Amino acid sequence: MPELPEVEVTRLGITPHVVGKSVAGVLVHSPKLRAMVPPELADLLTGQHIDSVQRRGKYLIFNCRTGSLLLHLGMTGHLRILPGDRSPGPHDHLDILLSSGVILRLNDVRRFGSIHWTTANPLQHKLLSGIGPEPLTEAFTGRYLFERTRGRRVAIQRFIMDASVVAGVGNIYAAESLFRCGLLPTTLAAELSEPECERLARCIKETLATSIATGSTMDFAREEEKLAYFPQQLYVYDRSGQPCRRCGNTVQRGRLGTRSTFFCPVCQRQPN
């Protein structure tokens, strides 16, 4: 699933191709996503000038002259820059034809993505207004995390995956951040001290920033037979039964509600 790093790398990769361009047309190949593609989208978007692309949590925001397009990549969504004559495939849902002659194409195999249009401040849209601070900004601090964890007897991994607490941290980067921090994912949020919250906030920032740096050279205009995001060297996520890259002990898998979690029982401990 695209999490904050994948969405940010996508933003960085497509921005040079779309910002400053006008929309020459919109082709909806399949409107069936998590929410149906607005039927009026082609009329609303055609002729618009794309001024900027920003990210809020896991949403991309295409700011145009008279409105903004909000796009969520869901679990399997990908955006690519392709030649204007490239025929769509079975999981291609949307083409935005640009004045430069290329198209911005949305591919989404599992169809959990969504597209929305707003003429108001996009950050006040109902899908974005409740999102917590961006983890890579100064608004996300250990002190903030400490205050939010008071009285919260919920597993820390589930807590930092709550978008109202911090933006964009999903299962992969929550598990990796907790490994970097040395905390078990089942640790209750309320049990963390302020220094531990400081360390966790720092580790979340480092984990996300490292992943973005890894993907920063990804070419979104390169045609690929199988769409994929950038490769990473994950320490615990999806590595159950394999040796820990740090200590050599076996990475274990657990459950937190409906989600799997991965951890090293040696490198990760309950707080003191």
Protein backbone atom coordinates (compact mmCIF):
# COMPACT_ATOMS: atom_id res chain seq x y z
CA MET A 1 0.00 0.00 0.00
CA PRO A 2 1.34 3.48 -0.81
CA GLU A 3 2.14 5.23 2.45
CA LEU A 4 3.57 8.70 3.02
CA PRO A 5 6.99 8.03 1.40
CA GLU A 6 5.48 6.47 -1.73
CA VAL A 7 2.97 9.30 -2.08
CA GLU A 8 5.66 11.94 -1.51
CA VAL A 9 7.99 10.28 -4.02
CA THR A 10 5.08 10.22 -6.49
CA ARG A 11 4.52 13.94 -5.92
CA LEU A 12 8.19 14.69 -6.47
CA GLY A 13 8.31 12.49 -9.57
CA ILE A 14 5.27 13.82 -11.39
CA THR A 15 5.60 17.50 -10.45
CA PRO A 16 8.07 18.43 -13.23
CA HIS A 17 5.73 16.87 -15.81
CA VAL A 18 2.43 18.42 -14.67
CA VAL A 19 3.03 21.76 -12.93
CA GLY A 20 2.73 24.67 -15.29
CA LYS A 21 0.79 22.57 -17.82
CA SER A 22 -2.84 22.86 -18.85
CA VAL A 23 -5.30 19.98 -18.96
CA ALA A 24 -6.21 19.28 -22.56
CA GLY A 25 -8.69 16.54 -21.73
CA VAL A 26 -9.74 13.83 -19.30
CA LEU A 27 -10.56 10.24 -20.18
CA VAL A 28 -12.28 8.05 -17.59
CA HIS A 29 -11.75 4.44 -18.60
CA SER A 30 -13.35 2.94 -15.50
CA PRO A 31 -15.10 5.11 -12.88
CA LYS A 32 -15.29 2.33 -10.28
CA LEU A 33 -12.94 3.20 -7.45
CA ARG A 34 -13.59 3.31 -3.69
CA ALA A 35 -15.86 6.21 -4.58
CA MET A 36 -17.06 6.60 -8.15
CA VAL A 37 -15.07 9.07 -10.23
CA PRO A 38 -17.23 12.23 -10.42
CA PRO A 39 -19.10 12.07 -13.76
CA GLU A 40 -18.53 15.79 -14.27
CA LEU A 41 -14.76 15.52 -13.74
CA ALA A 42 -13.85 15.89 -17.43
CA ASP A 43 -15.86 19.10 -17.73
CA LEU A 44 -14.44 20.50 -14.49
CA LEU A 45 -10.79 19.68 -15.16
CA THR A 46 -10.42 20.26 -18.91
CA GLY A 47 -8.86 23.66 -19.56
CA GLN A 48 -7.53 24.01 -16.01
CA HIS A 49 -3.94 25.14 -15.43
CA ILE A 50 -2.08 23.06 -12.84
CA ASP A 51 -0.33 25.49 -10.50
CA SER A 52 1.14 23.06 -7.96
CA VAL A 53 0.99 19.56 -6.53
CA GLN A 54 1.07 19.14 -2.77
CA ARG A 55 0.61 16.27 -0.38
CA ARG A 56 -1.47 16.00 2.79
CA GLY A 57 -1.09 12.67 4.52
CA LYS A 58 -1.62 10.07 1.81
CA TYR A 59 -3.56 12.45 -0.46
CA LEU A 60 -2.16 14.25 -3.49
CA ILE A 61 -3.64 17.67 -4.19
CA PHE A 62 -3.49 19.12 -7.70
CA ASN A 63 -4.10 22.83 -7.27
CA CYS A 64 -5.64 24.42 -10.34
CA ARG A 65 -6.86 27.93 -11.13
CA THR A 66 -10.48 27.42 -10.02
CA GLY A 67 -10.32 24.32 -7.84
CA SER A 68 -8.30 21.37 -6.61
CA LEU A 69 -8.25 17.70 -7.49
CA LEU A 70 -7.77 15.38 -4.50
CA LEU A 71 -6.39 11.93 -5.28
CA HIS A 72 -5.85 8.98 -2.94
CA LEU A 73 -3.91 6.00 -4.29
CA GLY A 74 -5.65 3.47 -2.05
CA MET A 75 -3.89 0.12 -1.63
CA THR A 76 -2.55 -0.47 -5.14
CA GLY A 77 -2.69 2.87 -6.95
CA HIS A 78 0.09 4.15 -9.21
CA LEU A 79 0.51 7.30 -11.29
CA ARG A 80 2.67 7.30 -14.41
CA ILE A 81 3.60 9.80 -17.10
CA LEU A 82 3.09 8.19 -20.53
CA PRO A 83 3.04 9.17 -24.20
CA GLY A 84 -0.32 10.54 -25.24
CA ASP A 85 -1.04 7.70 -27.66
CA ARG A 86 -0.52 4.88 -25.14
CA SER A 87 -3.60 2.64 -24.99
CA PRO A 88 -5.06 1.93 -21.53
CA GLY A 89 -4.72 -1.45 -19.85
CA PRO A 90 -7.31 -3.41 -17.85
CA HIS A 91 -6.62 -1.62 -14.54
CA ASP A 92 -6.12 1.89 -15.91
CA HIS A 93 -8.92 4.09 -14.62
CA LEU A 94 -8.12 7.65 -15.59
CA ASP A 95 -6.02 9.63 -18.06
CA ILE A 96 -5.35 13.35 -17.68
CA LEU A 97 -4.14 14.66 -21.04
CA LEU A 98 -1.68 17.52 -20.64
CA SER A 99 -0.84 20.39 -22.96
CA SER A 100 2.67 18.97 -23.39
CA GLY A 101 1.24 15.92 -25.16
CA VAL A 102 1.78 13.39 -22.37
CA ILE A 103 -0.81 11.81 -20.11
CA LEU A 104 -0.93 11.32 -16.36
CA ARG A 105 -2.43 7.85 -15.92
CA LEU A 106 -3.95 6.32 -12.79
CA ASN A 107 -3.67 2.55 -12.49
CA ASP A 108 -5.37 0.84 -9.54
CA VAL A 109 -5.73 -2.94 -9.52
CA ARG A 110 -7.79 -3.26 -6.33
CA ARG A 111 -9.77 -0.03 -6.90
CA PHE A 112 -9.45 1.39 -3.38
CA GLY A 113 -8.28 4.78 -4.63
CA SER A 114 -10.50 7.84 -4.85
CA ILE A 115 -10.75 11.12 -6.76
CA HIS A 116 -12.52 14.28 -5.61
CA TRP A 117 -12.88 17.87 -6.84
CA THR A 118 -13.32 20.92 -4.63
CA THR A 119 -13.50 24.66 -5.23
CA ALA A 120 -12.92 25.44 -1.55
CA ASN A 121 -9.68 25.30 0.43
CA PRO A 122 -8.61 21.67 -0.14
CA LEU A 123 -7.05 21.41 3.31
CA GLN A 124 -10.50 22.05 4.79
CA HIS A 125 -12.11 19.27 2.77
CA LYS A 126 -13.85 16.72 5.00
CA LEU A 127 -11.33 14.04 3.97
CA LEU A 128 -8.34 16.17 4.98
CA SER A 129 -9.46 18.49 7.76
CA GLY A 130 -9.11 15.90 10.53
CA ILE A 131 -5.63 14.71 9.60
CA GLY A 132 -2.95 15.21 12.24
CA PRO A 133 0.37 17.02 11.80
CA GLU A 134 2.77 16.08 9.03
CA PRO A 135 5.51 13.95 10.62
CA LEU A 136 8.34 15.63 8.71
CA THR A 137 7.44 19.11 9.94
CA GLU A 138 8.22 20.93 13.17
CA ALA A 139 4.60 20.48 14.25
CA PHE A 140 5.29 16.82 14.99
CA THR A 141 7.41 16.66 18.12
CA GLY A 142 8.04 14.34 21.02
CA ARG A 143 6.18 16.72 23.30
CA TYR A 144 3.15 16.62 21.00
CA LEU A 145 3.29 12.83 20.91
CA PHE A 146 3.62 12.64 24.69
CA GLU A 147 0.56 14.84 25.20
CA ARG A 148 -1.51 12.83 22.74
CA THR A 149 -0.57 9.48 24.33
CA ARG A 150 -1.72 10.42 27.85
CA GLY A 151 -4.50 8.11 28.93
CA ARG A 152 -4.43 6.16 25.65
CA ARG A 153 -4.30 2.46 26.50
CA VAL A 154 -3.92 1.34 22.92
CA ALA A 155 -0.96 -0.40 21.26
CA ILE A 156 1.56 2.19 20.14
CA GLN A 157 1.66 0.82 16.60
CA ARG A 158 -2.09 1.31 16.20
CA PHE A 159 -1.79 4.72 17.83
CA ILE A 160 0.77 6.12 15.38
CA MET A 161 -1.22 4.65 12.47
CA ASP A 162 -4.17 6.85 13.44
CA ALA A 163 -4.24 9.62 10.81
CA SER A 164 -5.76 12.04 13.31
CA VAL A 165 -2.61 11.64 15.44
CA VAL A 166 0.01 11.85 12.70
CA ALA A 167 -0.39 12.02 8.93
CA GLY A 168 0.51 9.24 6.54
CA VAL A 169 2.08 6.55 8.77
CA GLY A 170 0.75 3.15 7.75
CA ASN A 171 1.52 -0.39 8.81
CA ILE A 172 4.88 -0.67 7.05
CA TYR A 173 6.48 2.49 8.40
CA ALA A 174 4.92 2.15 11.83
CA ALA A 175 6.57 -1.27 12.19
CA GLU A 176 9.88 0.00 10.84
CA SER A 177 9.85 3.11 13.05
CA LEU A 178 9.18 1.05 16.16
CA PHE A 179 12.05 -1.27 15.26
CA ARG A 180 14.35 1.72 14.84
CA CYS A 181 13.14 3.03 18.19
CA GLY A 182 13.51 -0.34 19.97
CA LEU A 183 9.88 -0.49 21.14
CA LEU A 184 7.55 -3.47 20.87
CA PRO A 185 4.44 -2.66 18.77
CA THR A 186 2.18 -3.89 21.58
CA THR A 187 3.50 -1.30 24.04
CA LEU A 188 0.62 0.77 25.39
CA ALA A 189 0.81 4.38 24.22
CA ALA A 190 0.08 5.71 27.72
CA GLU A 191 3.13 3.91 29.12
CA LEU A 192 5.64 5.92 27.10
CA SER A 193 7.64 8.54 28.94
CA GLU A 194 8.33 11.92 27.37
CA PRO A 195 11.94 10.96 26.45
CA GLU A 196 10.60 7.79 24.80
CA CYS A 197 8.10 9.88 22.86
CA GLU A 198 10.94 12.18 21.80
CA ARG A 199 12.89 9.17 20.54
CA LEU A 200 9.86 7.71 18.76
CA ALA A 201 9.07 11.00 17.00
CA ARG A 202 12.68 11.22 15.87
CA CYS A 203 12.65 7.63 14.62
CA ILE A 204 9.44 8.17 12.66
CA LYS A 205 11.01 11.18 10.97
CA GLU A 206 14.24 9.29 10.21
CA THR A 207 12.42 6.23 8.86
CA LEU A 208 10.20 8.27 6.54
CA ALA A 209 13.01 10.57 5.37
CA THR A 210 15.28 7.61 4.60
CA SER A 211 12.57 5.95 2.53
CA ILE A 212 11.84 9.14 0.57
CA ALA A 213 15.55 9.56 -0.14
CA THR A 214 15.69 5.96 -1.38
CA GLY A 215 12.85 6.58 -3.83
CA SER A 216 13.89 10.06 -4.93
CA THR A 217 15.49 8.80 -8.17
CA MET A 218 12.38 6.89 -9.29
CA ASP A 219 11.44 7.74 -12.88
CA PHE A 220 7.69 8.10 -13.30
CA ALA A 221 8.00 8.50 -17.05
CA ARG A 222 9.64 5.10 -17.50
CA GLU A 223 7.31 2.50 -18.93
CA GLU A 224 7.14 -0.72 -16.93
CA GLU A 225 5.42 -4.00 -17.63
CA LYS A 226 4.67 -4.42 -13.93
CA LEU A 227 4.09 -1.27 -11.89
CA ALA A 228 5.98 -1.09 -8.62
CA TYR A 229 7.34 1.43 -6.16
CA PHE A 230 10.99 1.72 -5.23
CA PRO A 231 12.74 -1.26 -3.55
CA GLN A 232 13.65 -0.93 0.10
CA GLN A 233 15.61 -2.84 2.69
CA LEU A 234 13.00 -3.30 5.40
CA TYR A 235 14.17 -4.47 8.81
CA VAL A 236 11.09 -6.26 10.13
CA TYR A 237 7.99 -5.65 8.01
CA ASP A 238 6.90 -8.81 6.16
CA ARG A 239 10.08 -10.62 7.30
CA SER A 240 8.53 -13.13 9.70
CA GLY A 241 10.81 -16.14 10.26
CA GLN A 242 13.85 -14.40 8.77
CA PRO A 243 16.91 -13.27 10.74
CA CYS A 244 16.88 -9.76 12.18
CA ARG A 245 19.24 -7.60 10.16
CA ARG A 246 20.63 -6.13 13.38
CA CYS A 247 21.00 -9.02 15.86
CA GLY A 248 20.39 -12.17 13.82
CA ASN A 249 17.47 -13.45 15.92
CA THR A 250 14.21 -14.44 14.25
CA VAL A 251 11.73 -11.74 13.28
CA GLN A 252 8.28 -12.57 14.61
CA ARG A 253 4.78 -11.82 13.41
CA GLY A 254 1.87 -10.78 15.62
CA ARG A 255 -1.66 -9.41 15.29
CA LEU A 256 -3.02 -6.04 16.30
CA GLY A 257 -6.72 -6.15 15.56
CA THR A 258 -7.04 -7.04 11.88
CA ARG A 259 -3.46 -6.01 11.06
CA SER A 260 -0.25 -8.00 11.12
CA THR A 261 2.72 -6.60 12.92
CA PHE A 262 6.38 -7.60 12.71
CA PHE A 263 9.09 -7.19 15.32
CA CYS A 264 12.35 -8.48 16.70
CA PRO A 265 11.84 -9.75 20.28
CA VAL A 266 15.49 -9.00 21.10
CA CYS A 267 15.97 -5.55 19.59
CA GLN A 268 12.50 -4.34 20.66
CA ARG A 269 11.40 -4.18 24.28
CA GLN A 270 8.68 -2.80 26.50
CA PRO A 271 9.58 0.65 27.92
CA ASN A 272 11.39 0.78 31.27
